[in-house]
Amino acid sequence: MKSAKTARFMNKSIPGIYITEQIINELENAPDPLKKGIEIAARTAKELKPLVHGIHIMAYGIEDKIPLFLDELEAENS
């Protein structure tokens, strides 16, 4: 997610999606919401790793940021 606004939109418009207020607040209070969104995505992927066989990345217009997510995920796993 690139902002708190995006998270709220997802909650309102995408069935089955629920972004917690804690995560929305993290995004809202971050000096760089996009960077924080990448950190949150990597943290979430790390937490889910023992439970899943893979993840599907949907970057919606910020596909060029996927390498940043992968770098952050790698850092989370070290």
PDB file of N, CA and C in Angstrom:
ATOM      1  N   MET A   1       0.848  -1.174   0.000  1.00  0.00           N
ATOM      2  CA  MET A   1       0.000   0.000   0.000  1.00  0.00           C
ATOM      3  C   MET A   1       0.889   1.229   0.000  1.00  0.00           C
ATOM      4  N   LYS A   2       0.445   2.226  -0.715  1.00  0.00           N
ATOM      5  CA  LYS A   2       1.275   3.424  -0.798  1.00  0.00           C
ATOM      6  C   LYS A   2       0.815   4.555   0.115  1.00  0.00           C
ATOM      7  N   SER A   3      -0.319   4.380   0.783  1.00  0.00           N
ATOM      8  CA  SER A   3      -0.791   5.436   1.683  1.00  0.00           C
ATOM      9  C   SER A   3      -1.942   4.917   2.548  1.00  0.00           C
ATOM     10  N   ALA A   4      -2.263   5.695   3.564  1.00  0.00           N
ATOM     11  CA  ALA A   4      -3.425   5.376   4.400  1.00  0.00           C
ATOM     12  C   ALA A   4      -4.704   5.467   3.566  1.00  0.00           C
ATOM     13  N   LYS A   5      -4.732   6.410   2.631  1.00  0.00           N
ATOM     14  CA  LYS A   5      -5.895   6.556   1.751  1.00  0.00           C
ATOM     15  C   LYS A   5      -6.113   5.279   0.944  1.00  0.00           C
ATOM     16  N   THR A   6      -5.033   4.696   0.441  1.00  0.00           N
ATOM     17  CA  THR A   6      -5.133   3.439  -0.304  1.00  0.00           C
ATOM     18  C   THR A   6      -5.677   2.334   0.585  1.00  0.00           C
ATOM     19  N   ALA A   7      -5.186   2.252   1.817  1.00  0.00           N
ATOM     20  CA  ALA A   7      -5.654   1.221   2.753  1.00  0.00           C
ATOM     21  C   ALA A   7      -7.144   1.380   3.034  1.00  0.00           C
ATOM     22  N   ARG A   8      -7.577   2.604   3.239  1.00  0.00           N
ATOM     23  CA  ARG A   8      -9.001   2.838   3.494  1.00  0.00           C
ATOM     24  C   ARG A   8      -9.847   2.472   2.271  1.00  0.00           C
ATOM     25  N   PHE A   9      -9.350   2.809   1.081  1.00  0.00           N
ATOM     26  CA  PHE A   9     -10.046   2.446  -0.152  1.00  0.00           C
ATOM     27  C   PHE A   9     -10.177   0.928  -0.252  1.00  0.00           C
ATOM     28  N   MET A  10      -9.105   0.212   0.041  1.00  0.00           N
ATOM     29  CA  MET A  10      -9.143  -1.248  -0.025  1.00  0.00           C
ATOM     30  C   MET A  10     -10.178  -1.798   0.948  1.00  0.00           C
ATOM     31  N   ASN A  11     -10.200  -1.271   2.174  1.00  0.00           N
ATOM     32  CA  ASN A  11     -11.198  -1.722   3.157  1.00  0.00           C
ATOM     33  C   ASN A  11     -12.619  -1.515   2.646  1.00  0.00           C
ATOM     34  N   LYS A  12     -12.844  -0.393   2.023  1.00  0.00           N
ATOM     35  CA  LYS A  12     -14.193  -0.026   1.588  1.00  0.00           C
ATOM     36  C   LYS A  12     -14.610  -0.734   0.300  1.00  0.00           C
ATOM     37  N   SER A  13     -13.656  -0.978  -0.590  1.00  0.00           N
ATOM     38  CA  SER A  13     -14.016  -1.376  -1.948  1.00  0.00           C
ATOM     39  C   SER A  13     -13.671  -2.797  -2.359  1.00  0.00           C
ATOM     40  N   ILE A  14     -12.833  -3.486  -1.596  1.00  0.00           N
ATOM     41  CA  ILE A  14     -12.423  -4.829  -2.014  1.00  0.00           C
ATOM     42  C   ILE A  14     -12.947  -5.850  -1.007  1.00  0.00           C
ATOM     43  N   PRO A  15     -13.939  -6.639  -1.419  1.00  0.00           N
ATOM     44  CA  PRO A  15     -14.495  -7.645  -0.510  1.00  0.00           C
ATOM     45  C   PRO A  15     -13.411  -8.599  -0.004  1.00  0.00           C
ATOM     46  N   GLY A  16     -13.468  -8.895   1.291  1.00  0.00           N
ATOM     47  CA  GLY A  16     -12.520  -9.826   1.891  1.00  0.00           C
ATOM     48  C   GLY A  16     -11.226  -9.195   2.364  1.00  0.00           C
ATOM     49  N   ILE A  17     -11.036  -7.921   2.084  1.00  0.00           N
ATOM     50  CA  ILE A  17      -9.825  -7.221   2.523  1.00  0.00           C
ATOM     51  C   ILE A  17     -10.149  -6.442   3.790  1.00  0.00           C
ATOM     52  N   TYR A  18      -9.265  -6.561   4.772  1.00  0.00           N
ATOM     53  CA  TYR A  18      -9.389  -5.748   5.985  1.00  0.00           C
ATOM     54  C   TYR A  18      -7.997  -5.318   6.420  1.00  0.00           C
ATOM     55  N   ILE A  19      -7.760  -4.028   6.347  1.00  0.00           N
ATOM     56  CA  ILE A  19      -6.509  -3.434   6.808  1.00  0.00           C
ATOM     57  C   ILE A  19      -6.800  -2.853   8.187  1.00  0.00           C
ATOM     58  N   THR A  20      -6.025  -3.258   9.184  1.00  0.00           N
ATOM     59  CA  THR A  20      -6.290  -2.811  10.550  1.00  0.00           C
ATOM     60  C   THR A  20      -6.012  -1.315  10.716  1.00  0.00           C
ATOM     61  N   GLU A  21      -6.657  -0.736  11.711  1.00  0.00           N
ATOM     62  CA  GLU A  21      -6.409   0.675  12.034  1.00  0.00           C
ATOM     63  C   GLU A  21      -4.946   0.886  12.432  1.00  0.00           C
ATOM     64  N   GLN A  22      -4.350  -0.102  13.075  1.00  0.00           N
ATOM     65  CA  GLN A  22      -2.934   0.004  13.454  1.00  0.00           C
ATOM     66  C   GLN A  22      -2.063   0.213  12.210  1.00  0.00           C
ATOM     67  N   ILE A  23      -2.302  -0.564  11.174  1.00  0.00           N
ATOM     68  CA  ILE A  23      -1.522  -0.417   9.948  1.00  0.00           C
ATOM     69  C   ILE A  23      -1.853   0.906   9.260  1.00  0.00           C
ATOM     70  N   ILE A  24      -3.122   1.269   9.220  1.00  0.00           N
ATOM     71  CA  ILE A  24      -3.500   2.556   8.631  1.00  0.00           C
ATOM     72  C   ILE A  24      -2.807   3.693   9.369  1.00  0.00           C
ATOM     73  N   ASN A  25      -2.756   3.615  10.698  1.00  0.00           N
ATOM     74  CA  ASN A  25      -2.063   4.652  11.477  1.00  0.00           C
ATOM     75  C   ASN A  25      -0.567   4.676  11.183  1.00  0.00           C
ATOM     76  N   GLU A  26       0.039   3.501  11.033  1.00  0.00           N
ATOM     77  CA  GLU A  26       1.464   3.450  10.674  1.00  0.00           C
ATOM     78  C   GLU A  26       1.703   4.196   9.369  1.00  0.00           C
ATOM     79  N   LEU A  27       0.848   3.954   8.390  1.00  0.00           N
ATOM     80  CA  LEU A  27       0.976   4.627   7.098  1.00  0.00           C
ATOM     81  C   LEU A  27       0.730   6.128   7.230  1.00  0.00           C
ATOM     82  N   GLU A  28      -0.301   6.476   7.973  1.00  0.00           N
ATOM     83  CA  GLU A  28      -0.686   7.878   8.126  1.00  0.00           C
ATOM     84  C   GLU A  28       0.394   8.703   8.830  1.00  0.00           C
ATOM     85  N   ASN A  29       1.078   8.089   9.788  1.00  0.00           N
ATOM     86  CA  ASN A  29       2.066   8.814  10.580  1.00  0.00           C
ATOM     87  C   ASN A  29       3.491   8.703  10.051  1.00  0.00           C
ATOM     88  N   ALA A  30       3.678   7.984   8.972  1.00  0.00           N
ATOM     89  CA  ALA A  30       5.019   7.787   8.422  1.00  0.00           C
ATOM     90  C   ALA A  30       5.457   9.014   7.627  1.00  0.00           C
ATOM     91  N   PRO A  31       6.730   9.408   7.768  1.00  0.00           N
ATOM     92  CA  PRO A  31       7.236  10.513   6.947  1.00  0.00           C
ATOM     93  C   PRO A  31       7.220  10.157   5.453  1.00  0.00           C
ATOM     94  N   ASP A  32       7.395   8.872   5.141  1.00  0.00           N
ATOM     95  CA  ASP A  32       7.361   8.386   3.767  1.00  0.00           C
ATOM     96  C   ASP A  32       6.405   7.191   3.721  1.00  0.00           C
ATOM     97  N   PRO A  33       5.107   7.447   3.473  1.00  0.00           N
ATOM     98  CA  PRO A  33       4.110   6.368   3.512  1.00  0.00           C
ATOM     99  C   PRO A  33       4.412   5.217   2.545  1.00  0.00           C
ATOM    100  N   LEU A  34       4.932   5.518   1.368  1.00  0.00           N
ATOM    101  CA  LEU A  34       5.250   4.451   0.424  1.00  0.00           C
ATOM    102  C   LEU A  34       6.320   3.521   0.988  1.00  0.00           C
ATOM    103  N   LYS A  35       7.368   4.103   1.538  1.00  0.00           N
ATOM    104  CA  LYS A  35       8.424   3.292   2.156  1.00  0.00           C
ATOM    105  C   LYS A  35       7.852   2.465   3.309  1.00  0.00           C
ATOM    106  N   LYS A  36       7.003   3.069   4.125  1.00  0.00           N
ATOM    107  CA  LYS A  36       6.377   2.347   5.236  1.00  0.00           C
ATOM    108  C   LYS A  36       5.506   1.217   4.704  1.00  0.00           C
ATOM    109  N   GLY A  37       4.774   1.456   3.611  1.00  0.00           N
ATOM    110  CA  GLY A  37       3.958   0.413   3.015  1.00  0.00           C
ATOM    111  C   GLY A  37       4.798  -0.771   2.550  1.00  0.00           C
ATOM    112  N   ILE A  38       5.967  -0.487   2.006  1.00  0.00           N
ATOM    113  CA  ILE A  38       6.877  -1.550   1.587  1.00  0.00           C
ATOM    114  C   ILE A  38       7.367  -2.319   2.802  1.00  0.00           C
ATOM    115  N   GLU A  39       7.705  -1.604   3.872  1.00  0.00           N
ATOM    116  CA  GLU A  39       8.140  -2.262   5.114  1.00  0.00           C
ATOM    117  C   GLU A  39       7.032  -3.159   5.679  1.00  0.00           C
ATOM    118  N   ILE A  40       5.807  -2.661   5.670  1.00  0.00           N
ATOM    119  CA  ILE A  40       4.669  -3.433   6.181  1.00  0.00           C
ATOM    120  C   ILE A  40       4.455  -4.681   5.329  1.00  0.00           C
ATOM    121  N   ALA A  41       4.533  -4.535   4.019  1.00  0.00           N
ATOM    122  CA  ALA A  41       4.349  -5.680   3.121  1.00  0.00           C
ATOM    123  C   ALA A  41       5.413  -6.746   3.372  1.00  0.00           C
ATOM    124  N   ALA A  42       6.672  -6.324   3.545  1.00  0.00           N
ATOM    125  CA  ALA A  42       7.752  -7.281   3.800  1.00  0.00           C
ATOM    126  C   ALA A  42       7.565  -7.960   5.155  1.00  0.00           C
ATOM    127  N   ARG A  43       7.178  -7.184   6.143  1.00  0.00           N
ATOM    128  CA  ARG A  43       6.938  -7.747   7.483  1.00  0.00           C
ATOM    129  C   ARG A  43       5.812  -8.780   7.443  1.00  0.00           C
ATOM    130  N   THR A  44       4.749  -8.443   6.729  1.00  0.00           N
ATOM    131  CA  THR A  44       3.612  -9.354   6.616  1.00  0.00           C
ATOM    132  C   THR A  44       4.008 -10.628   5.875  1.00  0.00           C
ATOM    133  N   ALA A  45       4.749 -10.479   4.793  1.00  0.00           N
ATOM    134  CA  ALA A  45       5.203 -11.655   4.036  1.00  0.00           C
ATOM    135  C   ALA A  45       6.071 -12.552   4.911  1.00  0.00           C
ATOM    136  N   LYS A  46       6.938 -11.946   5.708  1.00  0.00           N
ATOM    137  CA  LYS A  46       7.800 -12.731   6.604  1.00  0.00           C
ATOM    138  C   LYS A  46       6.950 -13.497   7.620  1.00  0.00           C
ATOM    139  N   GLU A  47       5.953 -12.831   8.191  1.00  0.00           N
ATOM    140  CA  GLU A  47       5.093 -13.483   9.183  1.00  0.00           C
ATOM    141  C   GLU A  47       4.283 -14.626   8.569  1.00  0.00           C
ATOM    142  N   LEU A  48       3.916 -14.487   7.299  1.00  0.00           N
ATOM    143  CA  LEU A  48       3.108 -15.510   6.640  1.00  0.00           C
ATOM    144  C   LEU A  48       3.931 -16.658   6.064  1.00  0.00           C
ATOM    145  N   LYS A  49       5.231 -16.455   5.919  1.00  0.00           N
ATOM    146  CA  LYS A  49       6.088 -17.442   5.267  1.00  0.00           C
ATOM    147  C   LYS A  49       5.899 -18.872   5.770  1.00  0.00           C
ATOM    148  N   PRO A  50       5.810 -19.103   7.089  1.00  0.00           N
ATOM    149  CA  PRO A  50       5.639 -20.492   7.538  1.00  0.00           C
ATOM    150  C   PRO A  50       4.262 -21.091   7.199  1.00  0.00           C
ATOM    151  N   LEU A  51       3.333 -20.259   6.783  1.00  0.00           N
ATOM    152  CA  LEU A  51       1.956 -20.716   6.570  1.00  0.00           C
ATOM    153  C   LEU A  51       1.564 -20.877   5.108  1.00  0.00           C
ATOM    154  N   VAL A  52       2.397 -20.372   4.184  1.00  0.00           N
ATOM    155  CA  VAL A  52       2.012 -20.356   2.773  1.00  0.00           C
ATOM    156  C   VAL A  52       3.144 -20.896   1.894  1.00  0.00           C
ATOM    157  N   HIS A  53       2.801 -21.198   0.665  1.00  0.00           N
ATOM    158  CA  HIS A  53       3.794 -21.672  -0.298  1.00  0.00           C
ATOM    159  C   HIS A  53       4.301 -20.549  -1.192  1.00  0.00           C
ATOM    160  N   GLY A  54       3.711 -19.373  -1.092  1.00  0.00           N
ATOM    161  CA  GLY A  54       4.123 -18.240  -1.915  1.00  0.00           C
ATOM    162  C   GLY A  54       3.198 -17.067  -1.691  1.00  0.00           C
ATOM    163  N   ILE A  55       3.540 -15.950  -2.317  1.00  0.00           N
ATOM    164  CA  ILE A  55       2.690 -14.759  -2.234  1.00  0.00           C
ATOM    165  C   ILE A  55       2.474 -14.209  -3.633  1.00  0.00           C
ATOM    166  N   HIS A  56       1.396 -13.481  -3.792  1.00  0.00           N
ATOM    167  CA  HIS A  56       1.073 -12.816  -5.051  1.00  0.00           C
ATOM    168  C   HIS A  56       1.228 -11.323  -4.808  1.00  0.00           C
ATOM    169  N   ILE A  57       2.092 -10.687  -5.566  1.00  0.00           N
ATOM    170  CA  ILE A  57       2.347  -9.252  -5.411  1.00  0.00           C
ATOM    171  C   ILE A  57       1.487  -8.491  -6.419  1.00  0.00           C
ATOM    172  N   MET A  58       0.680  -7.563  -5.903  1.00  0.00           N
ATOM    173  CA  MET A  58      -0.129  -6.696  -6.760  1.00  0.00           C
ATOM    174  C   MET A  58       0.254  -5.259  -6.431  1.00  0.00           C
ATOM    175  N   ALA A  59       0.962  -4.622  -7.341  1.00  0.00           N
ATOM    176  CA  ALA A  59       1.538  -3.310  -7.049  1.00  0.00           C
ATOM    177  C   ALA A  59       0.711  -2.132  -7.572  1.00  0.00           C
ATOM    178  N   TYR A  60      -0.328  -2.370  -8.346  1.00  0.00           N
ATOM    179  CA  TYR A  60      -1.249  -1.327  -8.820  1.00  0.00           C
ATOM    180  C   TYR A  60      -0.588   0.006  -9.154  1.00  0.00           C
ATOM    181  N   GLY A  61       0.131   0.038 -10.245  1.00  0.00           N
ATOM    182  CA  GLY A  61       0.700   1.295 -10.719  1.00  0.00           C
ATOM    183  C   GLY A  61       2.058   1.646 -10.138  1.00  0.00           C
ATOM    184  N   ILE A  62       2.537   0.846  -9.201  1.00  0.00           N
ATOM    185  CA  ILE A  62       3.871   1.107  -8.643  1.00  0.00           C
ATOM    186  C   ILE A  62       4.743  -0.149  -8.796  1.00  0.00           C
ATOM    187  N   GLU A  63       4.586  -0.783  -9.960  1.00  0.00           N
ATOM    188  CA  GLU A  63       5.333  -2.003 -10.222  1.00  0.00           C
ATOM    189  C   GLU A  63       6.837  -1.788 -10.127  1.00  0.00           C
ATOM    190  N   ASP A  64       7.281  -0.562 -10.414  1.00  0.00           N
ATOM    191  CA  ASP A  64       8.709  -0.259 -10.330  1.00  0.00           C
ATOM    192  C   ASP A  64       9.244  -0.339  -8.894  1.00  0.00           C
ATOM    193  N   LYS A  65       8.354  -0.406  -7.911  1.00  0.00           N
ATOM    194  CA  LYS A  65       8.757  -0.499  -6.498  1.00  0.00           C
ATOM    195  C   LYS A  65       8.902  -1.939  -6.019  1.00  0.00           C
ATOM    196  N   ILE A  66       8.541  -2.908  -6.858  1.00  0.00           N
ATOM    197  CA  ILE A  66       8.651  -4.308  -6.448  1.00  0.00           C
ATOM    198  C   ILE A  66      10.074  -4.673  -6.036  1.00  0.00           C
ATOM    199  N   PRO A  67      11.118  -4.226  -6.747  1.00  0.00           N
ATOM    200  CA  PRO A  67      12.477  -4.540  -6.262  1.00  0.00           C
ATOM    201  C   PRO A  67      12.758  -4.002  -4.855  1.00  0.00           C
ATOM    202  N   LEU A  68      12.174  -2.866  -4.502  1.00  0.00           N
ATOM    203  CA  LEU A  68      12.350  -2.336  -3.140  1.00  0.00           C
ATOM    204  C   LEU A  68      11.716  -3.267  -2.121  1.00  0.00           C
ATOM    205  N   PHE A  69      10.536  -3.809  -2.452  1.00  0.00           N
ATOM    206  CA  PHE A  69       9.876  -4.774  -1.579  1.00  0.00           C
ATOM    207  C   PHE A  69      10.744  -6.021  -1.423  1.00  0.00           C
ATOM    208  N   LEU A  70      11.274  -6.525  -2.537  1.00  0.00           N
ATOM    209  CA  LEU A  70      12.104  -7.727  -2.476  1.00  0.00           C
ATOM    210  C   LEU A  70      13.364  -7.485  -1.654  1.00  0.00           C
ATOM    211  N   ASP A  71      13.966  -6.302  -1.804  1.00  0.00           N
ATOM    212  CA  ASP A  71      15.129  -5.952  -0.980  1.00  0.00           C
ATOM    213  C   ASP A  71      14.777  -5.908   0.491  1.00  0.00           C
ATOM    214  N   GLU A  72      13.639  -5.307   0.805  1.00  0.00           N
ATOM    215  CA  GLU A  72      13.184  -5.215   2.195  1.00  0.00           C
ATOM    216  C   GLU A  72      12.871  -6.604   2.740  1.00  0.00           C
ATOM    217  N   LEU A  73      12.262  -7.444   1.948  1.00  0.00           N
ATOM    218  CA  LEU A  73      11.955  -8.805   2.368  1.00  0.00           C
ATOM    219  C   LEU A  73      13.234  -9.583   2.650  1.00  0.00           C
ATOM    220  N   GLU A  74      14.222  -9.410   1.798  1.00  0.00           N
ATOM    221  CA  GLU A  74      15.505 -10.068   2.008  1.00  0.00           C
ATOM    222  C   GLU A  74      16.159  -9.585   3.299  1.00  0.00           C
ATOM    223  N   ALA A  75      16.070  -8.276   3.570  1.00  0.00           N
ATOM    224  CA  ALA A  75      16.623  -7.712   4.800  1.00  0.00           C
ATOM    225  C   ALA A  75      15.886  -8.258   6.020  1.00  0.00           C
ATOM    226  N   GLU A  76      14.557  -8.417   5.912  1.00  0.00           N
ATOM    227  CA  GLU A  76      13.761  -8.971   7.004  1.00  0.00           C
ATOM    228  C   GLU A  76      14.161 -10.415   7.300  1.00  0.00           C
ATOM    229  N   ASN A  77      14.588 -11.136   6.275  1.00  0.00           N
ATOM    230  CA  ASN A  77      14.930 -12.549   6.442  1.00  0.00           C
ATOM    231  C   ASN A  77      16.364 -12.775   6.887  1.00  0.00           C
ATOM    232  N   SER A  78      17.167 -11.714   6.961  1.00  0.00           N
ATOM    233  CA  SER A  78      18.562 -11.908   7.411  1.00  0.00           C
ATOM    234  C   SER A  78      18.692 -11.836   8.903  1.00  0.00           C
TER     235      SER A  78
END
